[in-house]
N, C-alpha and C. Protein backbone atom coordinates (compact mmCIF):
# COMPACT_ATOMS: atom_id res chain seq x y z
N MET A 1 129.68 84.36 88.51
CA MET A 1 130.85 83.44 88.22
C MET A 1 130.23 82.16 87.28
N ARG A 2 131.15 82.25 86.30
CA ARG A 2 130.56 81.03 84.97
C ARG A 2 131.55 80.22 84.59
N CYS A 3 131.18 79.03 84.48
CA CYS A 3 132.57 78.12 83.79
C CYS A 3 132.91 78.52 82.36
N PRO A 4 134.30 78.53 82.44
CA PRO A 4 134.63 79.32 81.07
C PRO A 4 134.49 78.44 79.83
N ARG A 5 134.40 77.37 80.20
CA ARG A 5 134.47 75.86 79.01
C ARG A 5 132.43 75.79 78.64
N CYS A 6 131.60 75.74 79.33
CA CYS A 6 130.38 75.50 79.10
C CYS A 6 129.23 76.36 79.46
N ASP A 7 129.86 77.77 80.28
CA ASP A 7 129.22 78.90 80.56
C ASP A 7 127.84 78.63 81.54
N ARG A 8 128.40 77.47 81.94
CA ARG A 8 127.40 76.96 83.35
C ARG A 8 127.78 77.90 84.70
N SER A 9 126.86 78.49 85.25
CA SER A 9 127.05 78.89 86.65
C SER A 9 127.59 78.27 87.65
N LEU A 10 128.70 78.55 88.46
CA LEU A 10 129.50 78.10 89.24
C LEU A 10 129.23 78.28 91.00
N VAL A 11 127.92 79.02 90.87
CA VAL A 11 127.02 78.99 92.00
C VAL A 11 125.91 78.66 92.09
N ASP A 12 125.12 78.36 93.46
CA ASP A 12 123.68 77.76 93.12
C ASP A 12 122.88 79.04 93.66
N GLU A 13 121.56 78.66 93.52
CA GLU A 13 120.85 79.76 94.06
C GLU A 13 120.86 80.65 94.98
N ALA A 14 121.57 79.78 96.15
CA ALA A 14 122.00 80.47 97.36
C ALA A 14 123.36 81.33 97.52
N GLY A 15 123.68 81.42 96.46
CA GLY A 15 124.97 82.15 95.85
C GLY A 15 126.00 81.16 96.72
N ARG A 16 125.86 80.04 96.84
CA ARG A 16 127.01 79.12 97.51
C ARG A 16 127.92 78.64 96.15
N GLU A 17 128.84 78.34 96.36
CA GLU A 17 129.84 78.07 94.99
C GLU A 17 129.71 76.33 95.06
N LEU A 18 129.33 76.00 93.81
CA LEU A 18 129.27 74.49 93.94
C LEU A 18 130.54 73.81 93.91
N ARG A 19 130.01 72.48 94.38
CA ARG A 19 131.10 71.59 94.63
C ARG A 19 131.30 70.40 93.51
N PRO A 20 131.98 69.63 93.51
CA PRO A 20 132.08 68.75 92.33
C PRO A 20 130.82 67.88 92.40
N ILE A 21 130.11 67.50 93.51
CA ILE A 21 129.23 66.21 93.57
C ILE A 21 127.90 67.48 93.09
N ASP A 22 127.98 68.48 93.36
CA ASP A 22 127.09 69.29 92.70
C ASP A 22 126.80 69.36 91.35
N LEU A 23 127.97 68.98 90.41
CA LEU A 23 127.75 68.89 89.09
C LEU A 23 128.07 67.84 88.67
N ARG A 24 128.50 66.56 89.51
CA ARG A 24 128.46 65.10 89.01
C ARG A 24 127.09 64.46 89.52
N TYR A 25 126.67 64.83 90.68
CA TYR A 25 125.52 63.98 91.25
C TYR A 25 125.00 63.08 90.12
N GLN A 26 124.03 63.67 89.58
CA GLN A 26 122.95 63.00 89.08
C GLN A 26 123.83 61.80 87.90
N GLN A 27 125.00 62.06 87.32
CA GLN A 27 125.34 61.32 86.48
C GLN A 27 125.99 59.94 87.26
N THR A 28 126.81 60.25 88.68
CA THR A 28 127.02 59.48 89.69
C THR A 28 126.19 58.49 90.13
N ALA A 29 124.76 59.10 90.54
CA ALA A 29 123.85 58.22 90.99
C ALA A 29 123.35 57.63 90.04
N ALA A 30 123.13 57.80 88.84
CA ALA A 30 122.63 56.89 87.54
C ALA A 30 123.49 55.76 87.17
N GLN A 31 124.75 56.17 87.60
CA GLN A 31 125.73 55.07 86.99
C GLN A 31 125.86 54.15 88.24
N GLN A 32 125.83 54.40 89.39
CA GLN A 32 125.78 53.45 90.46
C GLN A 32 124.49 52.48 90.42
N GLN A 33 123.34 53.12 90.01
CA GLN A 33 122.19 52.77 89.94
C GLN A 33 122.02 51.66 88.66
N GLU A 34 122.78 51.68 87.83
CA GLU A 34 123.08 51.00 86.50
C GLU A 34 124.06 49.94 86.55
N ARG A 35 125.12 49.91 87.84
CA ARG A 35 125.87 48.87 87.88
C ARG A 35 125.34 47.95 89.14
N PHE A 36 124.30 48.34 89.89
CA PHE A 36 123.91 47.53 90.69
C PHE A 36 123.47 46.41 90.39
N PRO A 37 122.46 46.14 89.62
CA PRO A 37 122.01 44.73 89.03
C PRO A 37 123.12 44.07 88.51
N GLN A 38 124.09 44.48 87.86
CA GLN A 38 125.15 43.74 87.41
C GLN A 38 125.99 43.46 88.19
N VAL A 39 126.44 44.27 89.22
CA VAL A 39 127.33 43.34 90.48
C VAL A 39 126.41 42.30 90.68
N LEU A 40 125.06 42.51 91.27
CA LEU A 40 124.55 41.41 91.86
C LEU A 40 124.72 40.32 91.09
N MET A 41 124.13 40.05 89.63
CA MET A 41 124.18 39.17 89.02
C MET A 41 125.42 38.42 88.66
N VAL A 42 126.55 39.29 88.46
CA VAL A 42 127.87 38.46 88.06
C VAL A 42 128.33 38.04 89.51
N GLY A 43 128.17 39.06 90.67
CA GLY A 43 128.86 38.37 91.95
C GLY A 43 127.73 37.68 92.65
N GLY A 44 126.38 37.36 92.54
CA GLY A 44 126.18 36.18 92.86
C GLY A 44 126.16 34.53 92.14
N ALA A 45 126.43 35.01 90.97
CA ALA A 45 126.79 33.78 90.07
C ALA A 45 128.14 33.33 90.76
N ILE A 46 129.20 34.15 90.90
CA ILE A 46 130.61 33.72 91.55
C ILE A 46 130.29 33.02 92.71
N VAL A 47 129.50 33.85 93.85
CA VAL A 47 129.11 33.20 95.07
C VAL A 47 128.36 31.91 94.92
N LEU A 48 127.56 31.64 94.19
CA LEU A 48 126.93 30.41 93.94
C LEU A 48 128.08 29.53 93.94
N VAL A 49 128.87 29.48 92.81
CA VAL A 49 129.84 28.64 92.57
C VAL A 49 130.94 28.53 93.75
N LEU A 50 131.02 29.28 94.38
CA LEU A 50 131.94 29.28 95.50
C LEU A 50 131.69 28.52 96.47
N ALA A 51 130.31 29.04 96.63
CA ALA A 51 129.56 28.25 97.95
C ALA A 51 129.34 26.63 97.66
N ILE A 52 129.01 26.48 96.48
CA ILE A 52 129.00 24.98 96.09
C ILE A 52 130.26 24.38 96.26
N GLY A 53 130.92 25.00 96.20
CA GLY A 53 132.72 24.30 96.17
C GLY A 53 132.89 24.45 97.66
N LEU A 54 132.63 25.42 98.44
CA LEU A 54 132.89 25.40 99.81
C LEU A 54 132.26 24.35 100.50
N SER A 55 131.08 24.06 100.06
CA SER A 55 130.15 23.28 100.97
C SER A 55 130.61 21.69 101.00
N THR A 56 131.68 21.48 100.09
CA THR A 56 132.51 20.13 100.01
C THR A 56 133.65 20.35 100.88
N LEU A 57 134.00 21.69 101.28
CA LEU A 57 135.10 21.52 102.42
C LEU A 57 134.74 21.52 103.45
N HIS A 58 133.36 21.47 104.31
CA HIS A 58 132.70 21.46 105.30
C HIS A 58 133.30 22.46 106.20
N LEU A 59 134.46 22.09 107.28
CA LEU A 59 134.76 23.39 108.38
C LEU A 59 135.70 23.94 107.58
N ALA A 60 136.67 23.61 106.78
CA ALA A 60 137.69 24.44 105.91
C ALA A 60 136.97 25.78 105.25
N ALA A 61 135.54 25.58 104.88
CA ALA A 61 135.02 26.84 104.62
C ALA A 61 134.58 27.84 105.56
N VAL A 62 134.45 27.32 106.73
CA VAL A 62 134.44 28.76 108.02
C VAL A 62 135.86 29.35 108.07
N ALA A 63 137.40 28.81 107.68
CA ALA A 63 138.18 29.67 107.64
C ALA A 63 138.54 30.24 106.44
N ALA A 64 137.62 29.94 105.38
CA ALA A 64 137.84 30.87 104.10
C ALA A 64 137.06 32.18 104.34
N ALA A 65 135.80 31.91 105.22
CA ALA A 65 134.91 33.30 105.28
C ALA A 65 135.63 34.40 105.31
N PRO A 66 136.38 34.64 106.34
CA PRO A 66 137.03 36.19 106.06
C PRO A 66 137.54 36.57 105.09
N LEU A 67 138.33 35.66 103.95
CA LEU A 67 138.93 36.08 102.74
C LEU A 67 137.86 36.41 101.72
N ILE A 68 136.77 35.84 101.84
CA ILE A 68 135.55 36.19 101.13
C ILE A 68 134.78 37.26 101.31
N VAL A 69 134.94 37.59 102.68
CA VAL A 69 134.12 39.04 103.15
C VAL A 69 135.45 40.23 102.53
N VAL A 70 136.61 39.76 102.70
CA VAL A 70 137.23 41.25 102.27
C VAL A 70 137.32 41.22 100.96
N ALA A 71 137.39 39.92 99.95
CA ALA A 71 136.85 40.17 98.58
C ALA A 71 135.98 40.66 98.06
N HIS A 72 134.88 40.26 98.77
CA HIS A 72 133.53 40.95 98.57
C HIS A 72 133.58 42.53 98.94
N LEU A 73 134.20 42.68 99.91
CA LEU A 73 134.25 44.20 100.45
C LEU A 73 134.93 45.45 99.32
N VAL A 74 136.04 44.54 98.75
CA VAL A 74 137.13 45.14 97.64
C VAL A 74 136.02 45.28 96.45
N ALA A 75 135.32 44.42 96.33
CA ALA A 75 134.66 44.18 94.97
C ALA A 75 133.54 45.01 94.88
N VAL A 76 132.68 45.38 95.88
CA VAL A 76 131.80 46.60 95.96
C VAL A 76 132.34 47.62 95.89
N ARG A 77 133.44 47.96 96.58
CA ARG A 77 133.97 49.51 96.65
C ARG A 77 134.46 49.69 95.19
N LEU A 78 135.27 48.67 94.40
CA LEU A 78 136.01 49.14 93.56
C LEU A 78 134.90 49.13 92.04
N TRP A 79 133.69 48.13 92.11
CA TRP A 79 132.79 48.16 90.55
C TRP A 79 131.50 48.84 91.36
N LEU A 80 131.21 49.16 92.32
CA LEU A 80 129.92 49.84 92.51
C LEU A 80 129.72 51.06 93.09
N VAL A 81 130.33 51.28 94.19
CA VAL A 81 130.44 52.77 94.76
C VAL A 81 131.77 53.50 94.74
N ARG A 82 132.89 53.27 94.08
CA ARG A 82 134.14 54.14 93.86
C ARG A 82 133.69 55.33 93.59
N ASP A 83 132.91 55.54 92.40
CA ASP A 83 132.44 56.96 92.16
C ASP A 83 132.00 57.92 93.22
N ALA A 84 130.66 57.33 93.55
CA ALA A 84 130.01 57.80 95.07
C ALA A 84 130.92 58.18 96.01
N MET A 85 131.84 57.20 96.40
CA MET A 85 132.55 57.44 97.52
C MET A 85 133.54 59.10 97.23
N ARG A 86 133.92 59.12 95.99
CA ARG A 86 134.94 60.24 95.58
C ARG A 86 134.12 61.41 95.82
N LEU A 87 132.85 61.29 95.87
CA LEU A 87 131.97 62.86 95.86
C LEU A 87 131.79 63.20 97.39
N LEU A 88 131.74 62.18 98.25
CA LEU A 88 131.47 62.39 99.68
C LEU A 88 132.46 63.29 100.43
N GLY A 89 131.61 63.96 101.16
CA GLY A 89 132.77 64.67 102.16
C GLY A 89 133.46 63.97 103.00
N PRO A 90 134.68 64.57 103.69
CA PRO A 90 135.52 63.79 104.59
C PRO A 90 134.46 62.84 105.66
N ALA A 91 133.75 63.63 106.70
CA ALA A 91 133.15 62.71 107.70
C ALA A 91 132.08 61.55 107.01
N ARG A 92 131.30 62.19 105.95
CA ARG A 92 130.48 61.07 105.42
C ARG A 92 131.37 60.02 104.78
N LYS A 93 132.23 60.49 104.29
CA LYS A 93 133.08 59.06 103.50
C LYS A 93 133.71 58.15 104.58
N ARG A 94 134.08 58.71 105.65
CA ARG A 94 134.38 57.83 107.11
C ARG A 94 133.32 56.89 107.42
N PHE A 95 132.11 57.65 107.49
CA PHE A 95 131.09 56.96 108.00
C PHE A 95 130.91 55.51 107.39
N VAL A 96 130.45 56.03 105.69
CA VAL A 96 130.12 55.21 104.81
C VAL A 96 131.47 53.79 104.66
N ARG A 97 132.33 54.33 104.99
CA ARG A 97 133.62 53.04 104.93
C ARG A 97 133.54 52.25 106.11
N TRP A 98 133.23 52.79 107.30
CA TRP A 98 133.45 52.29 108.53
C TRP A 98 132.01 51.44 108.76
N LEU A 99 130.97 51.78 108.28
CA LEU A 99 129.79 51.33 108.55
C LEU A 99 129.55 49.85 107.98
N SER A 100 130.43 50.06 106.65
CA SER A 100 129.93 49.20 105.59
C SER A 100 131.07 47.93 106.28
N ARG A 101 132.22 48.62 106.75
CA ARG A 101 133.53 47.61 106.93
C ARG A 101 132.74 46.56 108.31
N LEU A 102 132.11 47.42 109.20
CA LEU A 102 131.62 46.66 110.35
C LEU A 102 130.16 45.74 109.82
N ALA A 103 129.45 46.25 109.11
CA ALA A 103 128.34 45.57 108.55
C ALA A 103 129.12 44.15 107.68
N PHE A 104 130.09 44.22 106.98
CA PHE A 104 130.83 43.22 106.61
C PHE A 104 131.42 42.11 107.56
N LEU A 105 131.62 42.78 108.64
CA LEU A 105 132.40 41.87 109.72
C LEU A 105 131.55 40.93 110.34
N TRP A 106 130.43 41.74 110.82
CA TRP A 106 129.20 41.37 111.86
C TRP A 106 128.25 40.45 110.87
N ILE A 107 128.05 40.88 109.57
CA ILE A 107 127.09 39.85 108.86
C ILE A 107 127.74 38.71 108.09
N GLY A 108 128.73 39.48 107.44
CA GLY A 108 129.52 38.53 106.05
C GLY A 108 130.03 37.52 106.58
N ILE A 109 130.78 37.55 107.87
CA ILE A 109 131.73 35.93 108.22
C ILE A 109 130.64 35.37 108.66
N PRO A 110 129.51 35.45 109.57
CA PRO A 110 128.80 34.29 109.68
C PRO A 110 127.87 34.17 108.54
N GLY A 111 127.53 35.08 107.72
CA GLY A 111 126.98 34.38 106.40
C GLY A 111 127.49 33.34 105.59
N TYR A 112 128.75 33.84 105.41
CA TYR A 112 129.43 33.13 104.59
C TYR A 112 130.26 31.73 105.31
N GLY A 113 130.51 31.78 106.88
CA GLY A 113 130.78 30.94 107.26
C GLY A 113 129.48 29.65 107.22
N LEU A 114 128.38 30.02 106.86
CA LEU A 114 127.45 28.79 107.07
C LEU A 114 127.58 28.09 105.76
N ALA A 115 128.43 28.72 104.70
CA ALA A 115 128.53 27.86 103.38
C ALA A 115 129.15 26.52 103.73
N ALA A 116 129.50 26.52 105.00
CA ALA A 116 130.55 25.07 105.23
C ALA A 116 129.24 24.05 105.57
N ALA A 117 127.85 24.42 105.98
CA ALA A 117 127.10 23.25 105.82
C ALA A 117 126.90 22.66 104.32
N PRO A 118 126.97 21.66 104.01
CA PRO A 118 126.61 21.17 103.02
C PRO A 118 125.32 21.31 102.26
N LEU A 119 125.41 21.54 100.68
CA LEU A 119 124.12 22.04 100.10
C LEU A 119 123.29 23.14 101.09
N VAL A 120 122.98 23.06 102.16
CA VAL A 120 122.30 24.09 103.15
C VAL A 120 122.81 25.46 103.21
N GLY A 121 124.07 25.31 102.97
CA GLY A 121 124.88 26.61 103.13
C GLY A 121 125.15 27.70 101.87
N ILE A 122 124.77 26.92 100.88
CA ILE A 122 124.72 27.99 99.54
C ILE A 122 123.81 29.10 99.61
N VAL A 123 122.38 28.55 100.19
CA VAL A 123 121.64 29.84 100.30
C VAL A 123 121.98 30.93 101.13
N PRO A 124 122.44 30.75 102.48
CA PRO A 124 123.00 31.72 103.39
C PRO A 124 124.17 32.77 102.43
N ALA A 125 124.99 31.91 101.96
CA ALA A 125 125.98 32.45 101.11
C ALA A 125 125.59 33.55 100.15
N VAL A 126 124.49 33.21 99.36
CA VAL A 126 124.39 34.01 98.19
C VAL A 126 123.53 35.10 98.64
N ALA A 127 122.37 34.76 100.01
CA ALA A 127 121.80 35.76 100.63
C ALA A 127 122.47 36.86 101.11
N THR A 128 123.66 36.41 101.65
CA THR A 128 124.68 37.34 102.33
C THR A 128 125.07 38.23 101.28
N PHE A 129 125.57 37.63 100.14
CA PHE A 129 126.27 38.60 99.31
C PHE A 129 125.10 39.28 98.42
N ALA A 130 123.91 38.77 98.60
CA ALA A 130 123.08 39.90 97.65
C ALA A 130 122.49 40.90 98.98
N GLY A 131 122.42 40.67 100.37
CA GLY A 131 122.10 41.45 101.33
C GLY A 131 123.08 42.34 101.68
N LEU A 132 124.44 42.24 101.28
CA LEU A 132 125.25 43.14 102.12
C LEU A 132 125.34 44.28 100.74
N THR A 133 125.58 43.60 99.43
CA THR A 133 125.52 44.38 98.37
C THR A 133 124.51 45.45 98.34
N ALA A 134 123.49 44.77 98.65
CA ALA A 134 122.03 46.02 98.23
C ALA A 134 122.07 46.98 99.65
N ALA A 135 122.67 46.52 100.74
CA ALA A 135 122.91 47.47 102.09
C ALA A 135 123.80 48.56 101.57
N VAL A 136 124.87 48.23 101.25
CA VAL A 136 126.04 49.07 100.84
C VAL A 136 125.62 50.04 99.94
N HIS A 137 125.04 49.55 98.71
CA HIS A 137 124.55 50.31 97.45
C HIS A 137 123.35 51.28 98.31
N ALA A 138 122.43 50.90 98.86
CA ALA A 138 121.55 51.91 99.39
C ALA A 138 121.92 52.69 100.29
N TYR A 139 122.90 52.56 101.17
CA TYR A 139 123.50 53.40 102.27
C TYR A 139 124.23 54.71 101.38
N THR A 140 124.99 53.67 100.44
CA THR A 140 125.72 55.29 99.77
C THR A 140 125.12 55.84 99.13
N SER A 141 124.24 55.24 98.05
CA SER A 141 122.93 56.21 97.35
C SER A 141 122.50 57.16 98.50
N TRP A 142 121.95 56.78 99.38
CA TRP A 142 121.43 57.64 100.39
C TRP A 142 122.08 58.95 100.94
N SER A 143 123.38 58.34 101.28
CA SER A 143 124.44 59.46 101.57
C SER A 143 124.86 60.24 100.78
N LEU A 144 124.83 59.63 99.26
CA LEU A 144 125.43 60.50 98.45
C LEU A 144 124.30 62.05 98.12
N ARG A 145 122.99 61.34 98.25
CA ARG A 145 121.90 62.06 98.03
C ARG A 145 122.00 63.28 99.09
N ARG A 146 122.18 62.72 100.52
CA ARG A 146 122.32 63.83 101.85
C ARG A 146 123.31 64.47 101.38
N GLU A 147 124.58 64.13 100.79
CA GLU A 147 125.64 65.19 100.72
C GLU A 147 125.12 66.32 99.65
N PHE A 148 124.65 65.94 98.55
CA PHE A 148 124.10 66.95 97.52
C PHE A 148 123.19 67.71 98.06
N GLU A 149 122.53 67.39 99.21
CA GLU A 149 121.30 68.29 99.86
C GLU A 149 121.99 69.05 100.49
N ARG A 150 123.60 68.75 101.12
CA ARG A 150 124.22 69.57 102.27
C ARG A 150 123.46 69.27 103.46
N ALA A 151 123.15 67.96 103.64
CA ALA A 151 122.24 67.75 104.85
C ALA A 151 123.44 66.99 105.65
N PRO A 152 123.30 67.27 107.16
CA PRO A 152 124.37 66.81 108.06
C PRO A 152 124.14 65.16 108.29
N LEU A 153 124.99 64.37 108.88
CA LEU A 153 125.18 63.36 109.29
C LEU A 153 124.06 63.01 110.47
N ALA A 154 123.01 61.75 109.80
CA ALA A 154 121.89 61.60 110.65
C ALA A 154 122.37 61.08 112.16
N GLY A 155 121.72 61.49 113.08
CA GLY A 155 121.70 60.99 114.41
C GLY A 155 121.77 59.02 114.43
N TRP A 156 121.02 58.62 113.77
CA TRP A 156 121.47 57.13 113.97
C TRP A 156 122.54 56.60 113.24
N GLU A 157 123.01 57.20 112.34
CA GLU A 157 124.20 57.15 111.74
C GLU A 157 125.40 57.15 112.60
N LYS A 158 125.30 57.79 113.74
CA LYS A 158 126.43 57.77 114.48
C LYS A 158 126.35 57.29 115.74
N ALA A 159 125.09 56.98 115.85
CA ALA A 159 124.58 55.94 117.21
C ALA A 159 124.83 54.58 116.30
N LEU A 160 124.64 54.04 115.06
CA LEU A 160 124.86 52.74 114.81
C LEU A 160 126.49 52.56 114.89
N LEU A 161 127.40 53.47 114.28
CA LEU A 161 128.52 53.26 113.77
C LEU A 161 129.36 53.11 115.58
N TRP A 162 128.97 53.96 116.27
CA TRP A 162 129.60 53.63 117.68
C TRP A 162 128.89 52.39 118.41
N GLY A 163 127.87 52.10 118.17
CA GLY A 163 127.21 50.89 118.81
C GLY A 163 128.15 49.72 118.31
N LEU A 164 128.31 49.56 116.71
CA LEU A 164 129.10 48.71 116.16
C LEU A 164 130.50 48.49 116.46
N ALA A 165 131.14 49.73 116.75
CA ALA A 165 132.48 49.77 117.03
C ALA A 165 132.66 49.24 118.23
N VAL A 166 131.88 49.67 119.45
CA VAL A 166 131.94 49.27 121.04
C VAL A 166 131.87 47.64 120.91
N ALA A 167 130.78 47.42 120.31
CA ALA A 167 130.57 45.66 120.33
C ALA A 167 131.55 44.96 119.67
N THR A 168 132.08 45.61 118.61
CA THR A 168 133.31 44.70 117.91
C THR A 168 134.50 44.97 119.08
N LEU A 169 134.61 46.11 119.77
CA LEU A 169 135.69 45.92 120.45
C LEU A 169 135.60 45.11 121.60
N ALA A 170 134.43 44.88 122.11
CA ALA A 170 134.23 44.04 123.30
C ALA A 170 134.32 42.94 122.94
N ALA A 171 134.13 42.21 121.24
CA ALA A 171 133.76 40.76 121.29
C ALA A 171 135.29 40.62 121.18
N LEU A 172 136.39 41.89 120.48
CA LEU A 172 137.57 41.35 120.19
C LEU A 172 138.17 41.02 121.81
N ALA A 173 138.10 41.90 122.78
CA ALA A 173 138.59 41.77 124.21
C ALA A 173 137.97 40.24 124.61
N LEU A 174 136.64 39.68 124.47
CA LEU A 174 136.30 38.49 124.92
C LEU A 174 137.09 37.52 124.30
N LEU A 175 137.23 37.53 122.81
CA LEU A 175 138.17 36.54 122.39
C LEU A 175 139.65 36.42 122.98
N ALA A 176 140.09 37.82 122.84
CA ALA A 176 141.56 37.59 123.62
C ALA A 176 141.19 36.98 124.96
N ALA A 177 140.68 37.25 125.83
CA ALA A 177 140.34 36.48 127.09
C ALA A 177 140.43 35.38 126.74
N LEU A 178 139.29 34.48 126.00
CA LEU A 178 139.20 33.32 125.94
C LEU A 178 140.57 32.77 125.25
N VAL A 179 141.06 33.12 124.68
CA VAL A 179 142.55 32.56 123.93
C VAL A 179 143.45 32.65 124.86
N ALA A 180 143.47 33.58 125.70
CA ALA A 180 144.41 33.84 127.02
C ALA A 180 144.03 32.52 128.11
N ALA A 181 142.62 32.25 128.45
CA ALA A 181 142.50 31.49 129.32
C ALA A 181 142.46 29.78 129.01
N LEU A 182 142.50 29.64 127.28
CA LEU A 182 142.97 28.49 126.76
C LEU A 182 144.27 28.33 126.78
N GLY A 183 144.84 29.14 126.81
CA GLY A 183 146.45 28.85 126.60
C GLY A 183 146.84 28.75 128.29
N TRP A 184 146.51 29.23 129.19
CA TRP A 184 146.62 29.16 130.28
C TRP A 184 146.13 27.57 130.73
N SER A 185 144.81 27.30 130.40
CA SER A 185 144.63 25.89 130.72
C SER A 185 145.08 24.82 130.02
N ALA A 186 145.82 24.95 128.84
CA ALA A 186 146.43 23.91 128.48
C ALA A 186 147.97 24.04 128.90
N ALA A 187 148.36 25.00 129.45
CA ALA A 187 149.61 24.88 129.85
C ALA A 187 149.35 24.15 131.33
N ALA A 188 148.40 24.62 132.00
CA ALA A 188 148.37 23.91 133.31
C ALA A 188 147.93 22.50 133.15
N ILE A 189 147.17 22.09 132.41
CA ILE A 189 146.87 20.83 131.99
C ILE A 189 148.33 19.96 131.59
N ALA A 190 149.21 20.51 130.77
CA ALA A 190 150.23 19.70 130.38
C ALA A 190 151.38 19.91 131.56
N GLU A 191 151.25 20.70 132.72
CA GLU A 191 152.06 20.52 133.67
C GLU A 191 151.52 19.54 134.48
N TRP A 192 150.29 19.51 134.91
CA TRP A 192 149.71 18.47 135.56
C TRP A 192 150.02 17.11 135.23
N VAL A 193 149.83 16.91 133.90
CA VAL A 193 150.30 15.70 133.29
C VAL A 193 151.69 15.36 133.39
N SER A 194 152.53 16.30 132.93
CA SER A 194 154.18 15.81 133.23
C SER A 194 154.27 15.93 134.64
N SER A 195 153.74 16.33 135.40
CA SER A 195 154.25 16.01 137.24
C SER A 195 153.80 14.53 137.41
N ARG A 196 152.51 14.03 136.80
CA ARG A 196 152.40 12.70 136.74
C ARG A 196 153.12 11.76 136.91
């Protein structure tokens, strides 16, 4: 079976039908590798300016951290790994997407939250940007190569995703319990004060 346009074989040596990733792997991997330093330079400069501005806001920078994390995640998805994500199978795509989101949650929010420290917070903010961008780039590139090789998901990927998911749910449950306890305490104190 051959392509009617380019006369390229549409089956591999083992007789399996070629997938879109088989045809575009090298181009997509090279394109992502080329974009990575550009994203680091432009994004790093933006985060540097943003961190300098946030360090003047002090505690307001902590409130801005989740917004910066979301903007960073969207930028990395749009400008760095978009084409690679299209070539991944459904299971691997889901793992890359969720591991990236949870990494941004657990590392990004504290890292960008440190920008609240005047001047000293600039370094953790820029390091957070560079580290998370490099991690997503490396993991997506590795996943793309594994998908090209038709390799299954690794055991550590499954363990890491489940571990982060359980830790996230536990943290959310703890936060909800603290908010409920704080609300109950505030109501009890207000009632005690009004009864005096």
